[in-house]
Protein backbone atom coordinates (compact mmCIF):
# COMPACT_ATOMS: atom_id res chain seq x y z
CA UNK A 1 23.57 -21.30 18.61
CA UNK A 2 26.79 -20.80 20.55
CA UNK A 3 29.56 -18.35 19.74
CA UNK A 4 31.85 -21.20 18.79
CA UNK A 5 29.30 -22.45 16.30
CA UNK A 6 29.34 -19.14 14.48
CA UNK A 7 33.04 -18.36 14.74
CA UNK A 8 33.94 -20.21 11.57
CA UNK A 9 31.73 -17.84 9.60
CA UNK A 10 31.98 -14.60 11.55
CA UNK A 11 35.13 -12.75 12.50
CA UNK A 12 35.51 -9.85 14.96
CA UNK A 13 34.87 -6.49 13.27
CA UNK A 14 37.86 -4.35 12.39
CA UNK A 15 38.35 -0.84 13.73
CA UNK A 16 35.83 1.30 11.83
CA UNK A 17 36.77 4.78 13.06
CA UNK A 18 38.64 5.90 9.93
CA UNK A 19 36.41 4.40 7.25
CA UNK A 20 35.03 6.82 4.65
CA UNK A 21 31.30 6.25 4.32
CA UNK A 22 28.56 7.43 1.98
CA UNK A 23 25.66 9.49 3.27
CA UNK A 24 22.30 10.29 1.72
CA UNK A 25 21.66 13.30 4.03
CA UNK A 26 18.02 12.46 4.69
CA UNK A 27 15.93 15.12 6.35
CA UNK A 28 15.35 14.54 10.09
CA UNK A 29 12.14 13.35 11.71
CA UNK A 30 9.43 16.01 11.41
CA UNK A 31 7.08 14.75 14.16
CA UNK A 32 9.22 14.64 17.30
CA UNK A 33 7.36 13.15 20.28
CA UNK A 34 3.97 14.51 19.21
CA UNK A 35 2.09 11.21 19.12
CA UNK A 36 3.36 9.98 22.49
CA UNK A 37 0.91 12.37 24.18
CA UNK A 38 -2.02 10.25 22.98
CA UNK A 39 -1.02 7.36 25.23
CA UNK A 40 -2.62 9.01 28.24
CA UNK A 41 -5.92 10.14 26.67
CA UNK A 42 -9.19 9.26 28.42
CA UNK A 43 -11.69 6.91 26.74
CA UNK A 44 -14.97 7.84 28.47
CA UNK A 45 -16.16 10.04 25.60
CA UNK A 46 -15.31 7.31 23.11
CA UNK A 47 -17.69 4.89 24.82
CA UNK A 48 -20.57 7.31 24.27
CA UNK A 49 -19.59 7.72 20.62
CA UNK A 50 -19.61 3.93 20.19
CA UNK A 51 -23.21 3.78 21.48
CA UNK A 52 -24.23 6.48 19.00
CA UNK A 53 -22.50 4.63 16.16
CA UNK A 54 -24.42 1.44 16.95
CA UNK A 55 -27.74 3.32 16.67
CA UNK A 56 -26.76 5.03 13.42
CA UNK A 57 -25.59 1.76 11.90
CA UNK A 58 -29.06 0.29 12.42
CA UNK A 59 -30.61 3.26 10.62
CA UNK A 60 -28.24 2.88 7.67
CA UNK A 61 -28.83 -0.87 7.58
CA UNK A 62 -32.51 -0.17 6.91
CA UNK A 63 -31.53 1.76 3.77
CA UNK A 64 -29.68 -1.22 2.34
CA UNK A 65 -32.64 -3.04 0.82
CA UNK A 66 -33.34 -3.74 -2.87
CA UNK A 67 -35.11 -0.78 -4.48
CA UNK A 68 -34.01 1.03 -7.61
CA UNK A 69 -30.74 -0.61 -8.76
CA UNK A 70 -29.10 2.72 -9.59
CA UNK A 71 -30.08 4.20 -6.22
CA UNK A 72 -28.69 1.08 -4.57
CA UNK A 73 -25.46 1.36 -6.55
CA UNK A 74 -24.95 5.02 -5.64
CA UNK A 75 -25.66 4.30 -1.97
CA UNK A 76 -23.12 1.45 -1.96
CA UNK A 77 -20.58 3.71 -3.64
CA UNK A 78 -21.09 6.41 -1.02
CA UNK A 79 -20.81 3.94 1.86
CA UNK A 80 -17.56 2.56 0.46
CA UNK A 81 -16.06 5.99 -0.18
CA UNK A 82 -17.04 7.14 3.32
CA UNK A 83 -15.00 4.30 4.79
CA UNK A 84 -17.98 2.40 6.17
CA UNK A 85 -17.92 -0.76 4.07
CA UNK A 86 -16.51 -2.88 6.92
CA UNK A 87 -19.71 -2.25 8.89
CA UNK A 88 -22.05 -3.40 6.12
CA UNK A 89 -20.22 -6.11 4.19
CA UNK A 90 -23.10 -8.60 4.44
CA UNK A 91 -25.84 -6.15 3.43
CA UNK A 92 -23.80 -4.73 0.52
CA UNK A 93 -22.97 -8.25 -0.63
CA UNK A 94 -26.66 -9.15 -0.75
CA UNK A 95 -27.57 -5.95 -2.61
CA UNK A 96 -24.89 -6.52 -5.24
CA UNK A 97 -26.01 -10.13 -5.60
CA UNK A 98 -29.53 -8.84 -6.28
CA UNK A 99 -28.27 -6.37 -8.89
CA UNK A 100 -26.16 -9.04 -10.56
CA UNK A 101 -28.93 -11.64 -10.59
CA UNK A 102 -31.50 -9.29 -12.06
CA UNK A 103 -29.57 -6.90 -14.27
CA UNK A 104 -26.52 -8.82 -15.55
CA UNK A 105 -26.50 -11.67 -18.03
CA UNK A 106 -23.37 -13.61 -18.99
CA UNK A 107 -21.20 -10.86 -17.54
CA UNK A 108 -22.92 -8.08 -19.50
CA UNK A 109 -25.10 -5.36 -17.98
CA UNK A 110 -28.65 -5.69 -19.34
CA UNK A 111 -30.13 -2.95 -17.17
CA UNK A 112 -31.60 -0.26 -19.42
CA UNK A 113 -29.25 2.62 -18.70
CA UNK A 114 -29.78 4.32 -22.07
CA UNK A 115 -26.69 6.50 -22.64
CA UNK A 116 -25.96 7.03 -18.94
CA UNK A 117 -22.18 6.70 -18.82
CA UNK A 118 -21.90 7.33 -15.07
CA UNK A 119 -24.37 4.60 -14.13
CA UNK A 120 -22.92 2.08 -16.57
CA UNK A 121 -19.38 2.64 -15.31
CA UNK A 122 -20.49 2.63 -11.66
CA UNK A 123 -22.40 -0.67 -11.86
CA UNK A 124 -19.54 -2.26 -13.80
CA UNK A 125 -16.95 -1.08 -11.27
CA UNK A 126 -18.89 -2.13 -8.18
CA UNK A 127 -19.68 -5.61 -9.48
CA UNK A 128 -16.16 -6.27 -10.73
CA UNK A 129 -14.73 -4.94 -7.48
CA UNK A 130 -16.78 -7.49 -5.57
CA UNK A 131 -15.71 -10.41 -7.67
CA UNK A 132 -18.42 -10.72 -10.31
CA UNK A 133 -17.11 -11.70 -13.77
CA UNK A 134 -18.04 -8.57 -15.68
CA UNK A 135 -17.39 -7.96 -19.38
CA UNK A 136 -16.69 -4.42 -20.63
CA UNK A 137 -19.03 -4.86 -23.61
CA UNK A 138 -21.47 -2.39 -22.04
CA UNK A 139 -19.14 0.45 -23.05
CA UNK A 140 -19.36 -0.33 -26.78
CA UNK A 141 -22.55 1.74 -27.02
CA UNK A 142 -20.54 4.85 -26.16
CA UNK A 143 -18.46 4.53 -29.35
CA UNK A 144 -19.16 6.04 -32.76
CA UNK A 145 -19.19 4.37 -36.16
CA UNK A 146 -15.40 4.73 -36.41
CA UNK A 147 -14.86 2.70 -33.26
CA UNK A 148 -13.81 5.69 -31.13
CA UNK A 149 -15.47 7.00 -27.99
CA UNK A 150 -18.01 9.71 -28.78
CA UNK A 151 -16.67 13.22 -28.37
CA UNK A 152 -20.06 14.20 -26.94
CA UNK A 153 -19.11 12.32 -23.76
CA UNK A 154 -16.47 14.94 -22.94
CA UNK A 155 -19.10 17.33 -21.60
CA UNK A 156 -20.37 14.70 -19.15
CA UNK A 157 -17.82 15.27 -16.40
CA UNK A 158 -19.46 12.91 -13.90
CA UNK A 159 -19.63 10.18 -16.54
CA UNK A 160 -16.03 10.74 -17.62
CA UNK A 161 -14.82 10.50 -14.01
CA UNK A 162 -16.83 7.31 -13.46
CA UNK A 163 -15.45 5.72 -16.61
CA UNK A 164 -11.92 6.75 -15.63
CA UNK A 165 -12.38 5.07 -12.23
CA UNK A 166 -13.68 1.90 -13.90
CA UNK A 167 -10.69 1.67 -16.26
CA UNK A 168 -8.32 1.11 -13.33
CA UNK A 169 -9.92 -2.27 -12.79
CA UNK A 170 -9.07 -3.49 -16.28
CA UNK A 171 -7.30 -6.77 -16.94
CA UNK A 172 -5.18 -8.10 -19.79
CA UNK A 173 -6.87 -8.19 -23.20
CA UNK A 174 -9.53 -5.56 -22.46
CA UNK A 175 -8.66 -3.19 -25.28
CA UNK A 176 -11.83 -1.15 -24.86
CA UNK A 177 -10.87 -0.26 -21.28
CA UNK A 178 -7.32 0.59 -22.39
CA UNK A 179 -8.88 2.94 -24.94
CA UNK A 180 -11.27 4.32 -22.33
CA UNK A 181 -8.36 5.05 -20.00
CA UNK A 182 -6.51 7.01 -22.70
CA UNK A 183 -9.71 8.81 -23.73
CA UNK A 184 -10.77 9.86 -20.23
CA UNK A 185 -7.34 10.69 -18.82
CA UNK A 186 -6.32 12.89 -21.76
CA UNK A 187 -9.62 14.81 -21.93
CA UNK A 188 -9.96 15.20 -18.16
CA UNK A 189 -6.45 16.67 -18.01
CA UNK A 190 -7.27 19.15 -20.78
CA UNK A 191 -10.56 20.31 -19.30
CA UNK A 192 -9.02 21.32 -15.94
CA UNK A 193 -7.69 24.50 -17.52
CA UNK A 194 -11.15 25.99 -18.09
CA UNK A 195 -13.21 24.69 -15.18
CA UNK A 196 -13.89 26.20 -11.76
CA UNK A 197 -11.01 25.78 -9.27
CA UNK A 198 -13.02 23.36 -7.10
CA UNK A 199 -13.98 21.11 -10.01
CA UNK A 200 -10.46 21.23 -11.46
CA UNK A 201 -9.08 20.21 -8.04
CA UNK A 202 -11.51 17.28 -7.88
CA UNK A 203 -10.48 16.08 -11.36
CA UNK A 204 -6.76 16.42 -10.65
CA UNK A 205 -7.17 14.49 -7.40
CA UNK A 206 -9.02 11.69 -9.22
CA UNK A 207 -6.38 11.57 -11.97
CA UNK A 208 -3.58 11.28 -9.42
CA UNK A 209 -5.32 8.94 -6.99
CA UNK A 210 -8.08 6.85 -8.55
CA UNK A 211 -10.19 4.91 -6.06
CA UNK A 212 -8.73 1.50 -6.88
CA UNK A 213 -5.18 2.73 -6.22
CA UNK A 214 -5.85 5.00 -3.25
CA UNK A 215 -5.76 4.26 0.49
CA UNK A 216 -9.20 3.70 2.04
CA UNK A 217 -8.54 6.15 4.92
CA UNK A 218 -7.48 8.91 2.52
CA UNK A 219 -10.51 8.23 0.35
CA UNK A 220 -12.80 8.45 3.37
CA UNK A 221 -11.29 11.68 4.72
CA UNK A 222 -11.54 13.39 1.36
CA UNK A 223 -15.02 12.10 0.51
CA UNK A 224 -16.54 13.05 3.89
CA UNK A 225 -15.86 16.69 2.98
CA UNK A 226 -17.10 16.25 -0.59
CA UNK A 227 -20.25 14.39 0.53
CA UNK A 228 -21.10 17.07 3.10
CA UNK A 229 -21.07 19.73 0.38
CA UNK A 230 -23.60 17.73 -1.68
CA UNK A 231 -27.07 19.18 -0.95
CA UNK A 232 -28.62 15.72 -1.41
CA UNK A 233 -26.42 14.01 1.20
CA UNK A 234 -28.00 11.77 3.81
CA UNK A 235 -27.49 13.32 7.27
CA UNK A 236 -27.49 9.95 9.07
CA UNK A 237 -24.86 8.47 6.77
CA UNK A 238 -22.69 11.58 7.04
CA UNK A 239 -22.83 11.65 10.85
CA UNK A 240 -22.01 7.94 11.03
CA UNK A 241 -19.01 8.43 8.73
CA UNK A 242 -17.67 11.31 10.82
CA UNK A 243 -18.11 9.58 14.16
CA UNK A 244 -16.63 6.33 12.88
CA UNK A 245 -13.64 8.14 11.34
CA UNK A 246 -12.95 10.07 14.54
CA UNK A 247 -13.28 6.98 16.72
CA UNK A 248 -10.83 5.02 14.59
CA UNK A 249 -8.51 8.02 14.50
CA UNK A 250 -8.38 8.00 18.32
CA UNK A 251 -7.42 4.32 18.26
CA UNK A 252 -4.78 4.93 15.60
CA UNK A 253 -3.33 7.86 17.55
CA UNK A 254 -2.96 5.73 20.66
CA UNK A 255 -1.34 2.89 18.70
CA UNK A 256 1.10 5.32 17.10
CA UNK A 257 1.85 6.81 20.50
CA UNK A 258 2.85 3.37 21.79
CA UNK A 259 4.97 2.65 18.70
CA UNK A 260 6.58 6.12 18.87
CA UNK A 261 7.62 5.48 22.47
CA UNK A 262 9.17 2.15 21.44
CA UNK A 263 11.10 3.92 18.69
CA UNK A 264 12.19 6.75 20.98
CA UNK A 265 13.49 4.25 23.53
CA UNK A 266 15.58 2.55 20.80
CA UNK A 267 17.14 5.96 20.10
CA UNK A 268 18.12 5.09 16.54
CA UNK A 269 18.22 8.80 15.67
CA UNK A 270 21.33 9.07 17.85
CA UNK A 271 22.80 5.62 17.41
CA UNK A 272 22.22 5.36 13.64
CA UNK A 273 21.98 8.99 12.46
CA UNK A 274 22.63 8.04 8.82
CA UNK A 275 19.31 6.12 8.58
CA UNK A 276 15.88 7.51 7.77
CA UNK A 277 13.96 8.34 10.94
CA UNK A 278 10.45 7.66 9.67
CA UNK A 279 8.42 5.88 12.35
CA UNK A 280 5.26 7.97 11.79
CA UNK A 281 5.53 7.50 8.03
CA UNK A 282 6.01 3.75 8.61
CA UNK A 283 2.79 3.60 10.64
CA UNK A 284 1.00 5.56 7.89
CA UNK A 285 2.26 2.95 5.40
CA UNK A 286 0.81 0.12 7.49
CA UNK A 287 -2.42 2.00 8.11
CA UNK A 288 -2.83 1.74 4.36
CA UNK A 289 -2.60 -2.05 4.63
CA UNK A 290 -5.30 -2.35 7.26
CA UNK A 291 -7.05 0.39 9.23
CA UNK A 292 -9.91 -1.55 10.82
CA UNK A 293 -10.10 -1.76 14.62
CA UNK A 294 -9.49 -5.51 14.86
CA UNK A 295 -6.08 -5.33 13.19
CA UNK A 296 -4.34 -3.41 15.97
CA UNK A 297 -1.81 -6.17 16.72
CA UNK A 298 -1.00 -6.50 13.02
CA UNK A 299 -0.39 -2.77 12.69
CA UNK A 300 1.93 -2.73 15.70
CA UNK A 301 4.02 -5.65 14.50
CA UNK A 302 4.10 -4.59 10.85
CA UNK A 303 5.15 -1.04 11.69
CA UNK A 304 8.06 -2.33 13.75
CA UNK A 305 9.09 -4.74 11.00
CA UNK A 306 8.97 -2.15 8.21
CA UNK A 307 10.78 0.51 10.28
CA UNK A 308 13.64 -1.89 11.00
CA UNK A 309 13.72 -3.08 7.38
CA UNK A 310 14.04 0.58 6.38
CA UNK A 311 17.03 1.04 8.70
CA UNK A 312 18.66 -2.14 7.39
CA UNK A 313 18.11 -0.91 3.83
CA UNK A 314 19.99 2.28 4.72
CA UNK A 315 22.82 0.30 6.31
CA UNK A 316 23.29 -1.64 3.05
CA UNK A 317 22.69 1.31 0.72
CA UNK A 318 24.50 4.13 2.47
CA UNK A 319 26.76 3.19 5.33
CA UNK A 320 28.13 -0.30 5.72
CA UNK A 321 31.34 -1.52 4.11
CA UNK A 322 31.15 -4.73 2.13
CA UNK A 323 32.97 -6.59 4.91
CA UNK A 324 30.55 -5.29 7.55
CA UNK A 325 27.57 -6.15 5.36
CA UNK A 326 28.87 -9.69 4.96
CA UNK A 327 29.03 -10.01 8.76
CA UNK A 328 25.49 -8.69 9.16
CA UNK A 329 24.16 -10.94 6.38
CA UNK A 330 25.70 -13.99 8.05
CA UNK A 331 24.32 -12.94 11.44
CA UNK A 332 20.81 -12.63 9.99
CA UNK A 333 21.09 -16.09 8.43
CA UNK A 334 22.19 -17.54 11.82
CA UNK A 335 19.50 -15.58 13.72
CA UNK A 336 21.08 -15.78 17.18
CA UNK A 337 21.86 -13.00 19.67
CA UNK A 338 25.35 -14.42 20.23
CA UNK A 339 26.18 -13.22 16.71
CA UNK A 340 26.10 -9.65 18.06
CA UNK A 341 29.60 -10.19 19.42
CA UNK A 342 30.92 -10.26 15.88
CA UNK A 343 29.14 -7.15 14.60
CA UNK A 344 30.30 -3.52 14.49
CA UNK A 345 28.81 -1.48 17.31
CA UNK A 346 26.29 0.39 15.15
CA UNK A 347 24.93 -2.89 13.73
CA UNK A 348 24.40 -4.42 17.16
CA UNK A 349 21.56 -2.04 18.00
CA UNK A 350 19.62 -2.88 14.86
CA UNK A 351 20.29 -6.62 15.09
CA UNK A 352 19.08 -6.84 18.69
CA UNK A 353 15.99 -4.71 17.98
CA UNK A 354 15.08 -6.96 15.05
CA UNK A 355 15.36 -10.18 17.05
CA UNK A 356 13.35 -8.61 19.87
CA UNK A 357 10.52 -7.67 17.47
CA UNK A 358 10.38 -11.22 16.16
CA UNK A 359 10.25 -12.51 19.74
CA UNK A 360 7.29 -10.19 20.32
CA UNK A 361 5.70 -11.51 17.13
CA UNK A 362 6.18 -15.09 18.29
CA UNK A 363 4.61 -14.36 21.68
CA UNK A 364 1.51 -12.99 19.94
CA UNK A 365 1.29 -15.98 17.63
CA UNK A 366 1.65 -18.45 20.51
CA UNK A 367 -1.52 -16.91 21.98
CA UNK A 368 -3.32 -17.68 18.71
CA UNK A 369 -1.78 -21.13 18.24
CA UNK A 370 0.00 -19.96 15.06
CA UNK A 371 3.62 -19.77 16.21
CA UNK A 372 4.78 -21.71 13.14
CA UNK A 373 3.84 -18.72 10.96
CA UNK A 374 6.67 -16.64 12.45
CA UNK A 375 9.17 -18.97 10.76
CA UNK A 376 7.92 -17.90 7.34
CA UNK A 377 8.18 -14.17 8.13
CA UNK A 378 11.67 -14.74 9.51
CA UNK A 379 12.62 -16.55 6.32
CA UNK A 380 11.41 -13.60 4.23
CA UNK A 381 13.56 -11.27 6.33
CA UNK A 382 16.56 -13.50 5.65
CA UNK A 383 15.79 -13.47 1.91
CA UNK A 384 15.47 -9.67 1.95
CA UNK A 385 18.81 -9.13 3.69
CA UNK A 386 20.52 -11.59 1.36
CA UNK A 387 19.09 -9.64 -1.59
CA UNK A 388 20.39 -6.39 -0.09
CA UNK A 389 23.85 -7.98 0.15
CA UNK A 390 23.75 -9.16 -3.45
CA UNK A 391 22.85 -5.64 -4.52
CA UNK A 392 25.75 -4.25 -2.45
CA UNK A 393 28.17 -6.67 -4.15
CA UNK A 394 26.88 -5.58 -7.56
CA UNK A 395 27.50 -1.94 -6.62
CA UNK A 396 31.01 -2.57 -5.28
CA UNK A 397 32.01 -4.41 -8.46
CA UNK A 398 30.28 -1.91 -10.82
CA UNK A 399 28.20 -4.79 -12.17
CA UNK A 400 25.13 -3.97 -14.28
CA UNK A 401 22.81 -6.99 -14.37
CA UNK A 402 20.40 -7.86 -17.15
CA UNK A 403 16.79 -6.81 -16.65
CA UNK A 404 15.91 -10.43 -15.97
CA UNK A 405 18.55 -10.65 -13.23
CA UNK A 406 17.54 -7.30 -11.80
CA UNK A 407 13.80 -8.11 -11.65
CA UNK A 408 14.47 -11.50 -10.06
CA UNK A 409 16.39 -9.76 -7.29
CA UNK A 410 14.09 -6.72 -7.24
CA UNK A 411 11.03 -8.84 -6.47
CA UNK A 412 12.78 -9.76 -3.20
CA UNK A 413 14.59 -6.52 -2.34
CA UNK A 414 11.42 -4.48 -2.82
CA UNK A 415 10.59 -5.87 0.62
CA UNK A 416 7.06 -6.76 -0.40
CA UNK A 417 7.35 -10.50 0.16
CA UNK A 418 8.43 -9.70 3.71
CA UNK A 419 5.65 -7.14 4.17
CA UNK A 420 2.99 -9.48 2.77
CA UNK A 421 4.07 -12.26 5.11
CA UNK A 422 4.12 -9.81 8.05
CA UNK A 423 0.65 -8.54 7.13
CA UNK A 424 -0.72 -12.09 7.29
CA UNK A 425 0.53 -12.35 10.88
CA UNK A 426 -2.13 -9.82 11.87
CA UNK A 427 -5.01 -11.50 10.02
CA UNK A 428 -5.97 -14.10 12.60
CA UNK A 429 -6.96 -17.71 12.01
CA UNK A 430 -7.58 -17.38 8.27
CA UNK A 431 -3.80 -16.97 7.78
CA UNK A 432 -2.95 -20.64 8.23
CA UNK A 433 0.38 -22.31 7.55
CA UNK A 434 -1.03 -23.39 4.19
CA UNK A 435 -1.37 -19.71 3.27
CA UNK A 436 2.30 -19.10 4.09
CA UNK A 437 3.25 -22.13 2.01
CA UNK A 438 1.29 -20.56 -0.86
CA UNK A 439 3.25 -17.33 -0.33
CA UNK A 440 6.68 -18.95 -0.62
CA UNK A 441 5.74 -20.47 -3.99
CA UNK A 442 5.96 -17.02 -5.63
CA UNK A 443 2.28 -16.40 -6.46
CA UNK A 444 1.58 -14.12 -9.38
CA UNK A 445 -0.19 -11.47 -7.29
CA UNK A 446 2.72 -10.97 -4.85
CA UNK A 447 5.22 -10.94 -7.72
CA UNK A 448 3.12 -8.23 -9.38
CA UNK A 449 2.89 -6.20 -6.17
CA UNK A 450 6.66 -6.50 -5.71
CA UNK A 451 7.32 -5.38 -9.29
CA UNK A 452 5.14 -2.30 -8.76
CA UNK A 453 7.05 -1.48 -5.58
CA UNK A 454 10.48 -1.99 -7.16
CA UNK A 455 9.87 -0.18 -10.44
CA UNK A 456 7.89 2.79 -9.10
CA UNK A 457 10.60 3.37 -6.48
CA UNK A 458 13.28 3.17 -9.19
CA UNK A 459 11.50 5.60 -11.51
CA UNK A 460 11.08 8.38 -8.94
CA UNK A 461 14.33 7.83 -6.97
CA UNK A 462 16.79 7.17 -9.79
CA UNK A 463 18.30 10.62 -10.33
CA UNK A 464 18.85 11.26 -6.61
CA UNK A 465 20.33 7.84 -5.97
CA UNK A 466 22.70 7.98 -8.94
CA UNK A 467 24.04 11.36 -7.78
CA UNK A 468 24.88 10.04 -4.31
CA UNK A 469 26.34 6.80 -5.61
CA UNK A 470 24.07 3.80 -5.94
CA UNK A 471 23.98 0.53 -7.84
CA UNK A 472 22.30 0.26 -11.22
CA UNK A 473 18.51 0.52 -11.01
CA UNK A 474 16.04 -0.98 -13.47
CA UNK A 475 16.47 2.16 -15.58
CA UNK A 476 20.22 1.69 -16.10
CA UNK A 477 19.76 -2.06 -16.58
CA UNK A 478 17.14 -1.55 -19.30
CA UNK A 479 19.14 1.22 -21.00
CA UNK A 480 22.30 -0.91 -20.96
CA UNK A 481 20.60 -4.05 -22.25
CA UNK A 482 18.49 -2.46 -24.98
CA UNK A 483 20.53 0.59 -25.94
CA UNK A 484 17.70 3.09 -25.39
CA UNK A 485 17.39 6.52 -23.77
CA UNK A 486 16.45 7.09 -20.16
CA UNK A 487 13.02 8.38 -21.26
CA UNK A 488 12.39 5.25 -23.34
CA UNK A 489 13.42 3.05 -20.40
CA UNK A 490 11.05 4.85 -18.04
CA UNK A 491 8.21 4.51 -20.55
CA UNK A 492 8.79 0.75 -20.76
CA UNK A 493 9.04 0.35 -16.99
CA UNK A 494 5.81 2.33 -16.57
CA UNK A 495 4.16 -0.08 -19.02
CA UNK A 496 5.38 -2.99 -16.89
CA UNK A 497 3.85 -1.33 -13.81
CA UNK A 498 0.52 -1.06 -15.66
CA UNK A 499 0.70 -4.74 -16.60
CA UNK A 500 1.49 -5.67 -13.00
CA UNK A 501 -1.66 -3.84 -11.88
CA UNK A 502 -3.63 -5.89 -14.40
CA UNK A 503 -2.13 -9.05 -12.90
CA UNK A 504 -3.25 -7.93 -9.43
CA UNK A 505 -6.76 -7.16 -10.67
CA UNK A 506 -7.07 -10.58 -12.27
CA UNK A 507 -5.81 -12.38 -9.19
CA UNK A 508 -7.67 -10.38 -6.56
CA UNK A 509 -11.03 -11.25 -8.05
CA UNK A 510 -10.38 -14.68 -9.56
CA UNK A 511 -8.08 -16.46 -7.11
CA UNK A 512 -9.63 -19.16 -4.95
CA UNK A 513 -6.38 -20.42 -3.40
CA UNK A 514 -6.46 -18.10 -0.38
CA UNK A 515 -9.23 -16.09 1.34
CA UNK A 516 -9.93 -12.74 -0.29
CA UNK A 517 -9.24 -10.72 2.91
CA UNK A 518 -5.61 -11.88 2.63
CA UNK A 519 -5.40 -10.89 -1.03
CA UNK A 520 -6.71 -7.46 -0.02
CA UNK A 521 -3.51 -6.96 2.01
CA UNK A 522 -1.51 -7.44 -1.20
CA UNK A 523 -3.75 -4.97 -3.03
CA UNK A 524 -3.46 -2.46 -0.19
CA UNK A 525 0.33 -2.77 -0.11
CA UNK A 526 0.33 -1.89 -3.81
CA UNK A 527 -1.97 1.05 -3.14
CA UNK A 528 0.53 2.42 -0.61
CA UNK A 529 3.23 2.35 -3.28
CA UNK A 530 1.00 4.25 -5.70
CA UNK A 531 0.34 6.94 -3.08
CA UNK A 532 3.93 7.26 -1.83
CA UNK A 533 5.83 6.81 -5.12
CA UNK A 534 3.52 8.25 -7.79
CA UNK A 535 5.62 11.35 -8.53
CA UNK A 536 8.49 11.20 -6.01
CA UNK A 537 9.74 9.17 -3.07
CA UNK A 538 7.31 10.57 -0.51
CA UNK A 539 8.42 8.14 2.20
CA UNK A 540 12.01 9.32 2.17
CA UNK A 541 11.02 12.94 1.41
CA UNK A 542 7.98 13.14 3.67
CA UNK A 543 7.76 16.90 4.23
CA UNK A 544 5.25 17.49 1.42
CA UNK A 545 2.19 15.47 0.44
CA UNK A 546 2.90 12.68 2.95
CA UNK A 547 2.94 15.17 5.81
CA UNK A 548 -0.41 16.55 4.62
CA UNK A 549 -1.86 13.05 4.30
CA UNK A 550 -0.73 12.11 7.81
CA UNK A 551 -2.23 15.30 9.24
CA UNK A 552 -5.53 14.60 7.49
CA UNK A 553 -6.00 11.08 8.84
CA UNK A 554 -4.00 11.02 12.07
CA UNK A 555 -4.29 14.55 13.47
CA UNK A 556 -7.32 16.42 12.12
CA UNK A 557 -10.69 15.00 13.26
CA UNK A 558 -13.87 15.47 11.27
CA UNK A 559 -15.87 18.39 12.61
CA UNK A 560 -19.28 17.26 13.84
């Protein structure tokens, strides 16, 4: 597109020197150039580790044969928690098929587990997780004559934790699992006050980050330590988990080093000092979407996309005037470097960087014969920026939308349609154009993931954002529309988040429209939100738990 073609829509920017602008005063980057050092690391030692891993994998593979179903189930659970599932997908699939064929009838567990709550919950969770249509009827036997869960179960800590984990895979209409969630969560919270510090820590960690909503790398790092302390641990399995974790960590460090250098060269910290400088946190976010070795290209591209989307979000939320934002919105819709001539200086840097990243994306997709897919990601970026502009107009006119209007916009401005589309870019040939056409038809699972992202962000960020001056969030919209207190609004929004998780659970295991590995990206994106926005905005304020999480999976190796 030529300059003349855009001139009817874009006008030269006014002098911006004397404009009063908002600022969120985000804390600066806490990592500096630390990860750039990993670019030059030698790989000789890693080759030896890979040979050792191949040998250990064969030994573990010999364990994965049908024996006692409960022993098989516990072994599968350990392998998954240790972060090794991707090495044994076929063998685990066959073992679960054997358990299902022999010990499940019409979706109900018929294996004689007596009153073993842990085993019942574990088998239920594993089979449902892997797509088997399981009914929660097996938990009826743990109720008393009044229809309540037996109080005697409270002393069975392992069983209570297993049941709690299983309840996070519940779907709509499963009242018994809703009751089980309330029963286990309330009693587990109470018992932490009179247990040993180590056991109380384990329970609190499970309550905050149940397996189904946690990031696989964080689960693995935590469980490797827990498994090692178990006297009955298998030495071969433990060694494999440690070596595999460390090997992947080396790859991740090198990838992050390359991305950190790209970010440093852009010098956004100087050119756009008002924006969050969170490139390491952005990579951590994407590592939650896919950590496996083969998704390196996807991680690189997604991290660049999300980091630029974060900067653009800050431009619209904190810095740009409405006139400037209109110019930027129009430039994004035109998607042509000539539009830079009509943008304020600070916007030019971001606009050029964004177009360059999409050029890089297109070059990668040309290699795979999937260049058409870039169009769909680009379209989601356009939709996101347009949603940001609508939100900015609402703020400037003091408009409070209805909840229906807010959610319709929030599904887009959560950024999760863009991030889902970008994640598919890194998934290889299974992410066909038909998959992207499915995505643009607003599938239930992506809507649910977007609602989780939007509402959890609103709940934990609301007070801070209202103090600095921000448009109405879902909390204000709900309060205004229904005349309720802030606490009542948050309770309702939390209920909607729970329902959205049920939608995801239903879709992830029942949908046949797209390959399950693609749906797992949607699930993993939702998991990242749970980890980063459970109690506060730990992406924006990354000096606490996020810093510790990043250290645990990107800096500290497992000791052999």
